[in-house]
Each structure stands twice: as structure tokens, then as C-alpha cells.
Amino acid sequence: VWSTTYQPTRREAELDRVRHGLGYTVFERTFAGLETSQTVFVPEIDSCELWLVRIENTTDRVRRLRLGSYLEWH
């Protein structure tokens, strides 16, 4: 089990980078031959988040992945 962000799994990655822009944040991770990027957009006029997830297999192995989402209500 791994995550495109440090939370909720709290697993260390080979690369962990976070970039912020106006209305968005990009989480980039490399873990076990997978490069992931999760961009979270927060529209100025709506109370929502839009997620764009990219996963790239950088190995020669064929992989089967399941993608799910996790949300904590506060």
C-alpha cells in the first residue's frame, strides 16, 4: 500500500516534493519504481477540490494497480 502523498500511509518515498501555485498544489513522489503526481485544484468560487492524478511505471515489470481516494472530514 502506498499513497500519492505522505498521508495517510506515512511511508517514506525516494522522492517527495510539494509545489504550490495560485489555487493549486502538486504532490510528486517516487516509490518502488512508480512516479506519481497529484495536483489538487481549489476553485476560487466553489467549495470543492479537483484532483488530477498521474501514475507512471518506470520499471520493465507489468503492474496492476488499484486507485482509490481517501478523505478526512473535519
C-alpha atoms as a PDB file:
ATOM      1  CA  VAL A   1       0.000   0.000   0.000  1.00  0.00           C
ATOM      2  CA  TRP A   2       1.333   3.424  -0.922  1.00  0.00           C
ATOM      3  CA  SER A   3      -0.044   6.911  -1.420  1.00  0.00           C
ATOM      4  CA  THR A   4       0.481   9.827  -3.782  1.00  0.00           C
ATOM      5  CA  THR A   5       1.064  11.926  -0.640  1.00  0.00           C
ATOM      6  CA  TYR A   6       2.800  11.221   2.665  1.00  0.00           C
ATOM      7  CA  GLN A   7      -0.527  10.992   4.488  1.00  0.00           C
ATOM      8  CA  PRO A   8      -2.409   8.747   5.181  1.00  0.00           C
ATOM      9  CA  THR A   9       0.146   5.899   4.837  1.00  0.00           C
ATOM     10  CA  ARG A  10       3.138   7.803   6.316  1.00  0.00           C
ATOM     11  CA  ARG A  11       5.519   5.792   4.135  1.00  0.00           C
ATOM     12  CA  GLU A  12       8.817   7.339   3.119  1.00  0.00           C
ATOM     13  CA  ALA A  13       9.427   7.778  -0.610  1.00  0.00           C
ATOM     14  CA  GLU A  14      12.591   8.004  -2.710  1.00  0.00           C
ATOM     15  CA  LEU A  15      11.440  11.456  -3.844  1.00  0.00           C
ATOM     16  CA  ASP A  16       8.902  13.637  -2.061  1.00  0.00           C
ATOM     17  CA  ARG A  17       8.223  17.117  -3.455  1.00  0.00           C
ATOM     18  CA  VAL A  18       5.376  19.596  -2.949  1.00  0.00           C
ATOM     19  CA  ARG A  19       4.844  22.702  -5.093  1.00  0.00           C
ATOM     20  CA  HIS A  20       2.236  25.405  -4.526  1.00  0.00           C
ATOM     21  CA  GLY A  21       0.706  27.793  -7.014  1.00  0.00           C
ATOM     22  CA  LEU A  22      -2.255  30.134  -7.144  1.00  0.00           C
ATOM     23  CA  GLY A  23      -5.231  27.862  -6.399  1.00  0.00           C
ATOM     24  CA  TYR A  24      -3.398  24.543  -6.685  1.00  0.00           C
ATOM     25  CA  THR A  25      -0.826  22.253  -5.039  1.00  0.00           C
ATOM     26  CA  VAL A  26       1.197  19.485  -6.728  1.00  0.00           C
ATOM     27  CA  PHE A  27       2.436  16.455  -4.756  1.00  0.00           C
ATOM     28  CA  GLU A  28       5.164  14.471  -6.558  1.00  0.00           C
ATOM     29  CA  ARG A  29       6.505  11.140  -5.271  1.00  0.00           C
ATOM     30  CA  THR A  30       8.691   8.291  -6.460  1.00  0.00           C
ATOM     31  CA  PHE A  31       8.240   4.969  -4.709  1.00  0.00           C
ATOM     32  CA  ALA A  32       9.271   1.444  -5.779  1.00  0.00           C
ATOM     33  CA  GLY A  33       9.528   2.309  -9.474  1.00  0.00           C
ATOM     34  CA  LEU A  34       6.324   4.339  -9.616  1.00  0.00           C
ATOM     35  CA  GLU A  35       6.346   8.082 -10.245  1.00  0.00           C
ATOM     36  CA  THR A  36       3.174   9.787  -9.104  1.00  0.00           C
ATOM     37  CA  SER A  37       1.872  13.306  -9.354  1.00  0.00           C
ATOM     38  CA  GLN A  38      -1.299  14.526  -7.669  1.00  0.00           C
ATOM     39  CA  THR A  39      -2.490  18.030  -8.481  1.00  0.00           C
ATOM     40  CA  VAL A  40      -5.190  19.466  -6.221  1.00  0.00           C
ATOM     41  CA  PHE A  41      -7.092  22.472  -7.601  1.00  0.00           C
ATOM     42  CA  VAL A  42      -9.308  24.601  -5.370  1.00  0.00           C
ATOM     43  CA  PRO A  43     -11.604  26.825  -7.445  1.00  0.00           C
ATOM     44  CA  GLU A  44     -11.951  30.332  -6.054  1.00  0.00           C
ATOM     45  CA  ILE A  45     -15.739  30.479  -6.386  1.00  0.00           C
ATOM     46  CA  ASP A  46     -16.692  26.894  -5.421  1.00  0.00           C
ATOM     47  CA  SER A  47     -16.312  24.938  -2.197  1.00  0.00           C
ATOM     48  CA  CYS A  48     -14.734  21.850  -3.745  1.00  0.00           C
ATOM     49  CA  GLU A  49     -11.438  20.251  -4.755  1.00  0.00           C
ATOM     50  CA  LEU A  50     -10.493  18.821  -8.137  1.00  0.00           C
ATOM     51  CA  TRP A  51      -7.828  16.104  -8.189  1.00  0.00           C
ATOM     52  CA  LEU A  52      -5.687  15.138 -11.168  1.00  0.00           C
ATOM     53  CA  VAL A  53      -3.581  12.005 -10.584  1.00  0.00           C
ATOM     54  CA  ARG A  54      -0.795  10.744 -12.860  1.00  0.00           C
ATOM     55  CA  ILE A  55       0.986   7.414 -12.282  1.00  0.00           C
ATOM     56  CA  GLU A  56       3.957   6.244 -14.359  1.00  0.00           C
ATOM     57  CA  ASN A  57       5.616   2.839 -14.097  1.00  0.00           C
ATOM     58  CA  THR A  58       9.360   3.427 -14.566  1.00  0.00           C
ATOM     59  CA  THR A  59      10.276  -0.280 -14.440  1.00  0.00           C
ATOM     60  CA  ASP A  60      10.131  -3.020 -17.079  1.00  0.00           C
ATOM     61  CA  ARG A  61       7.639  -5.001 -14.970  1.00  0.00           C
ATOM     62  CA  VAL A  62       3.968  -5.120 -15.879  1.00  0.00           C
ATOM     63  CA  ARG A  63       1.918  -3.835 -12.973  1.00  0.00           C
ATOM     64  CA  ARG A  64      -1.721  -3.963 -11.979  1.00  0.00           C
ATOM     65  CA  LEU A  65      -2.790  -1.104  -9.737  1.00  0.00           C
ATOM     66  CA  ARG A  66      -5.952  -0.096  -7.912  1.00  0.00           C
ATOM     67  CA  LEU A  67      -6.593   3.566  -7.345  1.00  0.00           C
ATOM     68  CA  GLY A  68      -8.823   4.745  -4.513  1.00  0.00           C
ATOM     69  CA  SER A  69      -9.398   8.017  -2.710  1.00  0.00           C
ATOM     70  CA  TYR A  70      -9.235   8.930   0.952  1.00  0.00           C
ATOM     71  CA  LEU A  71     -10.868  11.871   2.658  1.00  0.00           C
ATOM     72  CA  GLU A  72     -10.953  13.003   6.282  1.00  0.00           C
ATOM     73  CA  TRP A  73     -13.983  15.029   7.331  1.00  0.00           C
ATOM     74  CA  HIS A  74     -13.198  17.819   9.785  1.00  0.00           C
END
